[in-house]
N, C-alpha and C. Protein backbone atom coordinates (compact mmCIF):
# COMPACT_ATOMS: atom_id res chain seq x y z
N MET A 1 9.49 4.43 3.30
CA MET A 1 10.06 3.67 4.39
C MET A 1 9.25 3.65 5.67
N ALA A 2 8.85 2.65 6.07
CA ALA A 2 8.04 2.51 7.26
C ALA A 2 8.81 2.50 8.60
N ARG A 3 8.19 3.27 9.50
CA ARG A 3 8.90 3.48 10.83
C ARG A 3 8.21 2.58 11.82
N ASN A 4 8.76 1.85 12.57
CA ASN A 4 8.27 1.21 13.65
C ASN A 4 8.39 1.97 15.12
N LYS A 5 7.28 2.69 15.37
CA LYS A 5 7.31 3.25 16.55
C LYS A 5 6.16 2.65 17.45
N ALA A 6 6.62 2.61 18.64
CA ALA A 6 5.69 1.91 19.61
C ALA A 6 4.45 2.87 19.92
N ILE A 7 3.32 2.43 20.17
CA ILE A 7 2.20 3.13 20.52
C ILE A 7 2.11 2.87 22.04
N ASN A 8 2.03 3.93 22.70
CA ASN A 8 1.79 3.86 24.18
C ASN A 8 0.48 4.26 24.48
N VAL A 9 -0.38 3.39 24.86
CA VAL A 9 -1.81 4.00 25.34
C VAL A 9 -2.24 3.13 26.52
N LYS A 10 -3.04 3.56 27.26
CA LYS A 10 -3.68 2.88 28.32
C LYS A 10 -5.14 2.59 28.04
N ILE A 11 -5.55 1.32 28.22
CA ILE A 11 -6.97 1.09 27.92
C ILE A 11 -7.64 0.65 29.28
N ALA A 12 -8.86 0.93 29.39
CA ALA A 12 -9.60 0.71 30.68
C ALA A 12 -9.72 -0.97 30.74
N THR A 13 -9.44 -1.47 32.03
CA THR A 13 -9.34 -2.88 32.18
C THR A 13 -10.76 -3.35 31.92
N THR A 14 -11.90 -2.62 32.36
CA THR A 14 -13.24 -3.26 32.25
C THR A 14 -13.55 -3.35 30.74
N LYS A 15 -13.12 -2.43 29.88
CA LYS A 15 -13.35 -2.50 28.42
C LYS A 15 -12.79 -3.73 27.77
N ILE A 16 -11.50 -4.03 28.37
CA ILE A 16 -10.90 -5.30 27.88
C ILE A 16 -11.51 -6.51 28.35
N ILE A 17 -11.88 -6.55 29.61
CA ILE A 17 -12.68 -7.71 30.11
C ILE A 17 -13.99 -7.96 29.38
N THR A 18 -14.68 -6.86 29.14
CA THR A 18 -15.93 -6.95 28.35
C THR A 18 -15.72 -7.56 26.95
N ALA A 19 -14.69 -7.02 26.42
CA ALA A 19 -14.33 -7.59 25.09
C ALA A 19 -13.83 -8.90 24.96
N LEU A 20 -13.24 -9.28 26.02
CA LEU A 20 -12.76 -10.80 26.11
C LEU A 20 -13.97 -11.77 26.33
N GLU A 21 -14.76 -11.13 27.28
CA GLU A 21 -15.93 -11.97 27.55
C GLU A 21 -16.89 -12.34 26.34
N SER A 22 -17.03 -11.12 25.51
CA SER A 22 -17.90 -11.28 24.27
C SER A 22 -17.02 -12.08 23.37
N ALA A 23 -15.73 -12.15 23.24
CA ALA A 23 -14.92 -13.04 22.28
C ALA A 23 -15.18 -14.55 22.67
N LEU A 24 -15.13 -14.74 24.00
CA LEU A 24 -15.27 -15.92 24.52
C LEU A 24 -16.75 -16.66 24.31
N ALA A 25 -17.74 -15.80 24.52
CA ALA A 25 -19.19 -16.15 24.22
C ALA A 25 -19.22 -16.45 22.67
N LYS A 26 -18.66 -15.67 21.67
CA LYS A 26 -18.71 -15.85 20.35
C LYS A 26 -18.06 -17.26 20.04
N LEU A 27 -16.91 -17.44 20.69
CA LEU A 27 -16.12 -18.68 20.49
C LEU A 27 -16.92 -19.88 20.72
N GLU A 28 -17.52 -19.84 21.84
CA GLU A 28 -18.46 -20.92 22.42
C GLU A 28 -19.56 -21.27 21.37
N ALA A 29 -20.13 -20.03 20.92
CA ALA A 29 -21.51 -20.18 20.16
C ALA A 29 -21.03 -20.73 18.81
N ASP A 30 -19.89 -20.25 18.09
CA ASP A 30 -19.47 -20.80 16.88
C ASP A 30 -19.14 -22.26 16.99
N TYR A 31 -18.51 -22.68 18.01
CA TYR A 31 -18.03 -24.04 18.08
C TYR A 31 -19.39 -24.86 18.40
N ALA A 32 -20.44 -24.35 19.15
CA ALA A 32 -21.65 -25.01 19.35
C ALA A 32 -22.50 -25.35 17.96
N THR A 33 -22.40 -24.33 17.08
CA THR A 33 -23.07 -24.44 15.83
C THR A 33 -22.21 -25.08 14.69
N GLN A 34 -21.07 -25.29 14.90
CA GLN A 34 -20.15 -25.82 13.90
C GLN A 34 -20.70 -26.98 13.32
N SER A 35 -21.21 -28.09 14.08
CA SER A 35 -21.68 -29.27 13.46
C SER A 35 -22.95 -29.07 12.45
N VAL A 36 -23.73 -28.19 12.74
CA VAL A 36 -24.92 -27.87 11.91
C VAL A 36 -24.36 -27.15 10.56
N ASN A 37 -23.49 -26.20 10.74
CA ASN A 37 -22.85 -25.48 9.70
C ASN A 37 -22.01 -26.39 8.61
N GLU A 38 -21.32 -27.28 9.38
CA GLU A 38 -20.54 -28.37 8.54
C GLU A 38 -21.50 -29.31 7.80
N ALA A 39 -22.53 -29.67 8.34
CA ALA A 39 -23.48 -30.62 7.67
C ALA A 39 -24.22 -29.81 6.52
N LYS A 40 -24.46 -28.46 6.63
CA LYS A 40 -25.09 -27.87 5.55
C LYS A 40 -24.14 -27.69 4.38
N TYR A 41 -22.83 -27.42 4.85
CA TYR A 41 -21.64 -27.29 3.78
C TYR A 41 -21.38 -28.57 3.12
N ASN A 42 -21.57 -29.75 3.81
CA ASN A 42 -21.38 -30.96 3.17
C ASN A 42 -22.43 -31.33 2.14
N LYS A 43 -23.59 -30.86 2.71
CA LYS A 43 -24.71 -31.13 1.57
C LYS A 43 -24.66 -30.34 0.42
N ALA A 44 -24.16 -29.00 0.51
CA ALA A 44 -23.92 -28.20 -0.54
C ALA A 44 -22.88 -28.81 -1.38
N VAL A 45 -21.83 -29.40 -0.97
CA VAL A 45 -20.59 -29.95 -1.68
C VAL A 45 -21.23 -31.08 -2.46
N GLU A 46 -22.03 -31.85 -1.84
CA GLU A 46 -22.61 -33.17 -2.44
C GLU A 46 -23.47 -32.69 -3.86
N LYS A 47 -24.31 -31.65 -3.50
CA LYS A 47 -25.07 -31.16 -4.49
C LYS A 47 -24.18 -30.56 -5.72
N TRP A 48 -23.18 -29.91 -5.32
CA TRP A 48 -22.29 -29.31 -6.30
C TRP A 48 -21.68 -30.58 -7.11
N LYS A 49 -21.19 -31.65 -6.41
CA LYS A 49 -20.61 -32.81 -7.11
C LYS A 49 -21.63 -33.38 -8.17
N ALA A 50 -22.76 -33.34 -7.78
CA ALA A 50 -23.82 -33.86 -8.69
C ALA A 50 -23.90 -33.01 -9.95
N GLU A 51 -23.96 -31.75 -9.72
CA GLU A 51 -23.96 -30.66 -10.87
C GLU A 51 -22.84 -30.85 -11.63
N VAL A 52 -21.62 -30.92 -11.08
CA VAL A 52 -20.42 -31.28 -12.03
C VAL A 52 -20.48 -32.53 -12.81
N PHE A 53 -21.00 -33.54 -12.07
CA PHE A 53 -21.16 -34.77 -12.90
C PHE A 53 -22.06 -34.50 -14.17
N GLU A 54 -23.20 -33.98 -13.80
CA GLU A 54 -24.29 -33.86 -14.83
C GLU A 54 -23.63 -32.94 -16.10
N PHE A 55 -22.88 -31.99 -15.61
CA PHE A 55 -22.27 -30.93 -16.56
C PHE A 55 -21.21 -31.94 -17.36
N ALA A 56 -20.34 -32.63 -16.75
CA ALA A 56 -19.57 -33.53 -17.42
C ALA A 56 -20.07 -34.40 -18.56
N MET A 57 -21.12 -35.16 -18.05
CA MET A 57 -21.78 -36.02 -18.91
C MET A 57 -22.46 -35.41 -20.16
N ALA A 58 -22.97 -34.18 -19.85
CA ALA A 58 -23.62 -33.44 -20.98
C ALA A 58 -22.48 -33.02 -22.11
N ASN A 59 -21.24 -32.85 -21.49
CA ASN A 59 -20.29 -32.24 -22.54
C ASN A 59 -19.18 -33.36 -22.78
N VAL A 60 -19.49 -34.61 -22.54
CA VAL A 60 -18.46 -35.68 -22.66
C VAL A 60 -17.87 -35.75 -24.01
N LYS A 61 -18.57 -35.34 -25.08
CA LYS A 61 -18.27 -35.49 -26.51
C LYS A 61 -17.08 -34.34 -26.79
N LYS A 62 -17.12 -33.32 -25.86
CA LYS A 62 -15.98 -32.35 -26.03
C LYS A 62 -14.64 -32.71 -25.23
N SER A 63 -14.73 -33.84 -24.78
CA SER A 63 -13.43 -34.37 -23.79
C SER A 63 -12.32 -34.68 -24.58
N PHE A 64 -11.29 -34.69 -24.02
CA PHE A 64 -9.90 -35.16 -24.61
C PHE A 64 -9.09 -35.78 -23.55
N ASN A 65 -8.02 -36.37 -23.99
CA ASN A 65 -7.17 -37.06 -23.02
C ASN A 65 -7.79 -38.12 -22.22
N LEU A 66 -8.39 -38.97 -22.79
CA LEU A 66 -9.33 -40.10 -22.17
C LEU A 66 -8.38 -41.10 -21.70
N ARG A 67 -8.55 -41.51 -20.35
CA ARG A 67 -7.67 -42.48 -19.54
C ARG A 67 -8.82 -43.61 -18.96
N THR A 68 -8.52 -44.68 -19.11
CA THR A 68 -9.21 -45.75 -18.54
C THR A 68 -8.34 -46.67 -17.60
N ASN A 69 -8.90 -47.22 -16.68
CA ASN A 69 -8.35 -48.22 -15.67
C ASN A 69 -9.32 -49.33 -15.29
N TYR A 70 -9.06 -50.51 -15.69
CA TYR A 70 -9.95 -51.58 -15.44
C TYR A 70 -9.51 -52.50 -14.27
N ARG A 71 -10.03 -52.58 -13.21
CA ARG A 71 -9.59 -53.30 -11.94
C ARG A 71 -10.36 -54.55 -11.90
N SER A 72 -9.69 -55.71 -12.22
CA SER A 72 -10.46 -57.11 -12.38
C SER A 72 -10.69 -57.52 -11.10
N TYR A 73 -10.06 -57.40 -10.12
CA TYR A 73 -10.22 -57.93 -8.79
C TYR A 73 -11.69 -57.59 -8.15
N ASN A 74 -12.04 -56.27 -8.53
CA ASN A 74 -13.36 -56.02 -7.97
C ASN A 74 -14.33 -55.39 -9.26
N ASN A 75 -13.96 -55.88 -10.54
CA ASN A 75 -14.86 -55.54 -11.64
C ASN A 75 -15.18 -54.08 -11.64
N THR A 76 -14.24 -53.13 -11.50
CA THR A 76 -14.53 -51.78 -11.81
C THR A 76 -13.82 -51.09 -12.79
N LEU A 77 -14.31 -50.17 -13.48
CA LEU A 77 -13.80 -49.39 -14.55
C LEU A 77 -13.54 -47.95 -14.15
N ASN A 78 -12.43 -47.37 -14.17
CA ASN A 78 -12.32 -46.00 -13.98
C ASN A 78 -12.11 -45.35 -15.18
N VAL A 79 -12.88 -44.26 -15.54
CA VAL A 79 -12.73 -43.49 -16.87
C VAL A 79 -12.50 -42.06 -16.44
N ASP A 80 -11.42 -41.57 -17.00
CA ASP A 80 -10.99 -40.20 -16.63
C ASP A 80 -10.77 -39.48 -17.95
N PHE A 81 -11.19 -38.16 -17.86
CA PHE A 81 -11.13 -37.32 -19.21
C PHE A 81 -11.03 -35.85 -18.68
N ASP A 82 -10.55 -35.09 -19.62
CA ASP A 82 -10.35 -33.64 -19.51
C ASP A 82 -11.34 -32.96 -20.34
N LEU A 83 -11.73 -31.73 -19.73
CA LEU A 83 -12.66 -30.81 -20.55
C LEU A 83 -12.14 -29.46 -20.44
N THR A 84 -12.19 -28.68 -21.51
CA THR A 84 -11.77 -27.26 -21.37
C THR A 84 -13.16 -26.63 -21.25
N VAL A 85 -13.24 -25.83 -20.19
CA VAL A 85 -14.64 -25.33 -19.87
C VAL A 85 -14.47 -23.74 -19.46
N PRO A 86 -15.32 -22.93 -20.14
CA PRO A 86 -15.25 -21.50 -19.67
C PRO A 86 -15.71 -21.45 -18.28
N GLU A 87 -15.01 -20.60 -17.43
CA GLU A 87 -15.37 -20.60 -16.10
C GLU A 87 -16.81 -20.24 -15.65
N LYS A 88 -17.49 -19.53 -16.66
CA LYS A 88 -18.79 -19.09 -16.43
C LYS A 88 -19.86 -20.25 -16.54
N ASP A 89 -19.42 -21.28 -17.24
CA ASP A 89 -20.24 -22.45 -17.43
C ASP A 89 -20.11 -23.43 -16.32
N MET A 90 -19.13 -23.47 -15.60
CA MET A 90 -18.95 -24.36 -14.51
C MET A 90 -19.81 -24.12 -13.33
N PRO A 91 -20.36 -25.08 -12.69
CA PRO A 91 -21.10 -24.96 -11.42
C PRO A 91 -20.00 -24.21 -10.33
N VAL A 92 -20.75 -23.48 -9.53
CA VAL A 92 -19.93 -22.75 -8.52
C VAL A 92 -19.74 -23.69 -7.28
N GLU A 93 -18.37 -23.87 -7.02
CA GLU A 93 -18.19 -24.61 -5.85
C GLU A 93 -18.62 -24.03 -4.62
N PRO A 94 -19.15 -24.52 -3.49
CA PRO A 94 -19.52 -23.85 -2.27
C PRO A 94 -18.28 -23.65 -1.48
N GLU A 95 -18.43 -22.54 -0.71
CA GLU A 95 -17.29 -22.05 0.22
C GLU A 95 -17.83 -22.19 1.70
N ARG A 96 -16.99 -22.54 2.57
CA ARG A 96 -17.42 -22.47 3.97
C ARG A 96 -17.69 -20.76 4.26
N ASP A 97 -18.72 -20.53 4.94
CA ASP A 97 -18.96 -19.13 5.49
C ASP A 97 -18.72 -19.25 6.88
N PHE A 98 -17.85 -20.16 7.44
CA PHE A 98 -17.57 -20.13 8.84
C PHE A 98 -16.24 -20.64 9.05
N GLU A 99 -15.64 -20.46 10.10
CA GLU A 99 -14.27 -20.98 10.45
C GLU A 99 -14.43 -22.26 11.13
N PHE A 100 -13.78 -23.36 10.55
CA PHE A 100 -13.80 -24.71 11.12
C PHE A 100 -12.83 -24.69 12.35
N LEU A 101 -13.21 -24.99 13.55
CA LEU A 101 -12.27 -25.25 14.62
C LEU A 101 -12.13 -26.68 14.97
N HIS A 102 -10.96 -27.04 15.01
CA HIS A 102 -10.75 -28.35 15.69
C HIS A 102 -10.95 -28.47 17.24
N ALA A 103 -11.18 -29.39 17.79
CA ALA A 103 -11.56 -29.49 19.22
C ALA A 103 -10.35 -28.91 19.99
N SER A 104 -9.07 -29.29 19.59
CA SER A 104 -7.87 -28.93 20.45
C SER A 104 -7.73 -27.39 20.10
N THR A 105 -7.92 -26.77 19.17
CA THR A 105 -7.83 -25.32 18.91
C THR A 105 -8.94 -24.67 19.79
N TYR A 106 -10.09 -25.13 19.75
CA TYR A 106 -11.32 -24.67 20.60
C TYR A 106 -10.83 -24.75 22.02
N ARG A 107 -10.30 -25.79 22.48
CA ARG A 107 -10.13 -25.95 24.04
C ARG A 107 -8.85 -24.97 24.36
N GLU A 108 -7.89 -24.96 23.55
CA GLU A 108 -6.64 -23.94 23.77
C GLU A 108 -7.26 -22.52 23.79
N SER A 109 -7.95 -22.13 22.79
CA SER A 109 -8.46 -20.64 22.80
C SER A 109 -9.27 -20.34 23.89
N LYS A 110 -10.20 -21.34 24.32
CA LYS A 110 -11.17 -21.08 25.44
C LYS A 110 -10.15 -20.97 26.71
N LYS A 111 -9.31 -21.79 26.79
CA LYS A 111 -8.50 -21.78 28.15
C LYS A 111 -7.75 -20.50 28.04
N GLU A 112 -7.15 -20.09 27.03
CA GLU A 112 -6.38 -18.82 27.07
C GLU A 112 -7.35 -17.57 27.46
N LEU A 113 -8.47 -17.50 26.77
CA LEU A 113 -9.43 -16.36 26.91
C LEU A 113 -9.90 -16.54 28.42
N SER A 114 -10.18 -17.66 28.96
CA SER A 114 -10.71 -17.75 30.32
C SER A 114 -9.67 -17.20 31.38
N ASN A 115 -8.38 -17.66 31.00
CA ASN A 115 -7.25 -17.25 31.93
C ASN A 115 -7.03 -15.78 31.89
N ALA A 116 -7.08 -15.20 30.72
CA ALA A 116 -6.93 -13.69 30.54
C ALA A 116 -7.95 -13.02 31.31
N ILE A 117 -9.11 -13.55 31.22
CA ILE A 117 -10.30 -12.77 31.79
C ILE A 117 -10.16 -12.80 33.44
N ARG A 118 -9.84 -14.14 33.80
CA ARG A 118 -9.55 -14.22 35.20
C ARG A 118 -8.46 -13.38 35.84
N ILE A 119 -7.47 -13.31 34.94
CA ILE A 119 -6.30 -12.54 35.61
C ILE A 119 -6.53 -11.01 35.68
N LEU A 120 -7.32 -10.56 34.55
CA LEU A 120 -7.70 -9.18 34.42
C LEU A 120 -8.67 -8.84 35.53
N LYS A 121 -9.63 -9.80 35.91
CA LYS A 121 -10.52 -9.46 36.98
C LYS A 121 -9.97 -9.36 38.27
N MET A 122 -8.75 -9.99 38.52
CA MET A 122 -7.94 -9.99 39.75
C MET A 122 -7.12 -8.66 40.03
N THR A 123 -7.00 -7.93 38.94
CA THR A 123 -6.02 -6.74 39.00
C THR A 123 -6.85 -5.44 39.55
N ASP A 124 -6.06 -4.76 40.30
CA ASP A 124 -6.56 -3.48 40.96
C ASP A 124 -6.43 -2.31 40.04
N GLU A 125 -5.66 -2.61 38.91
CA GLU A 125 -5.27 -1.49 37.91
C GLU A 125 -6.49 -1.15 37.21
N GLU A 126 -6.60 0.18 36.94
CA GLU A 126 -7.82 0.66 36.19
C GLU A 126 -7.61 0.64 34.64
N THR A 127 -6.33 0.57 34.31
CA THR A 127 -6.02 0.49 32.96
C THR A 127 -4.93 -0.55 32.62
N VAL A 128 -4.92 -1.10 31.41
CA VAL A 128 -4.07 -2.04 30.96
C VAL A 128 -3.16 -1.43 30.08
N ASN A 129 -1.83 -1.74 30.16
CA ASN A 129 -0.69 -1.24 29.39
C ASN A 129 -0.85 -1.82 28.02
N THR A 130 -0.07 -1.39 27.19
CA THR A 130 0.12 -1.76 25.68
C THR A 130 0.58 -3.25 25.59
N SER A 131 1.59 -3.66 26.43
CA SER A 131 2.08 -5.04 26.25
C SER A 131 0.99 -5.96 26.82
N THR A 132 0.26 -5.73 27.79
CA THR A 132 -0.80 -6.64 28.16
C THR A 132 -1.98 -6.66 27.04
N TYR A 133 -2.17 -5.51 26.59
CA TYR A 133 -3.19 -5.48 25.47
C TYR A 133 -2.66 -6.26 24.26
N ASN A 134 -1.43 -6.22 23.86
CA ASN A 134 -0.91 -6.90 22.81
C ASN A 134 -1.09 -8.50 22.90
N ALA A 135 -0.96 -8.95 24.37
CA ALA A 135 -0.96 -10.33 24.73
C ALA A 135 -2.35 -10.83 24.30
N VAL A 136 -3.39 -10.02 24.47
CA VAL A 136 -4.77 -10.40 24.47
C VAL A 136 -5.57 -10.02 23.04
N SER A 137 -4.90 -9.13 22.50
CA SER A 137 -5.56 -8.62 21.22
C SER A 137 -5.79 -9.43 20.13
N GLU A 138 -5.18 -10.67 20.01
CA GLU A 138 -5.54 -11.67 19.00
C GLU A 138 -6.91 -12.14 19.26
N TYR A 139 -7.45 -12.09 20.28
CA TYR A 139 -8.68 -12.68 20.62
C TYR A 139 -9.80 -11.68 20.44
N LEU A 140 -9.41 -10.41 20.30
CA LEU A 140 -10.57 -9.16 20.15
C LEU A 140 -10.96 -9.17 18.74
C-alpha cells in the first residue's frame, strides 16, 4: 500500500531560475526548428507511403476482400483490398522524434515560464518552498 507523505525541501531560488531559463531557451529552440523537423518527417512519410504502395503492388496476387468503387462524375476508380502480411515484411512507418507544439501551446508555455522567472527574480528569499517548486516543476 502506497503512502502519500509530503516532501518538505527547500531549493535555492537561483537554481530554479537557472533551470527555468534553460527550459525556456529549449522551448524556444524546439519551436524555431519545428518547421524543419516537420518537413523532414513529412518527406519520410511520403517515402514510406511509396514503399507501402510498391509492397502492395508486388503482393496484389495474395490479396483478398477486393472492393471497387467507380465514380462516374469524375471518372475515377477506387480499388481497395486486404493483405495479410508478416510484420517483418512491412516497411517501417516513420515516427516523430520531436514533440509538435501548436502555436497556442507554445505561447502559453512561454508566457508561464517567463512569468515564473520574472516572479522568482523579484523575490528576496534564498530558497523556494515545495509548493512553489511544484507549481513550476512541470517545466523542468
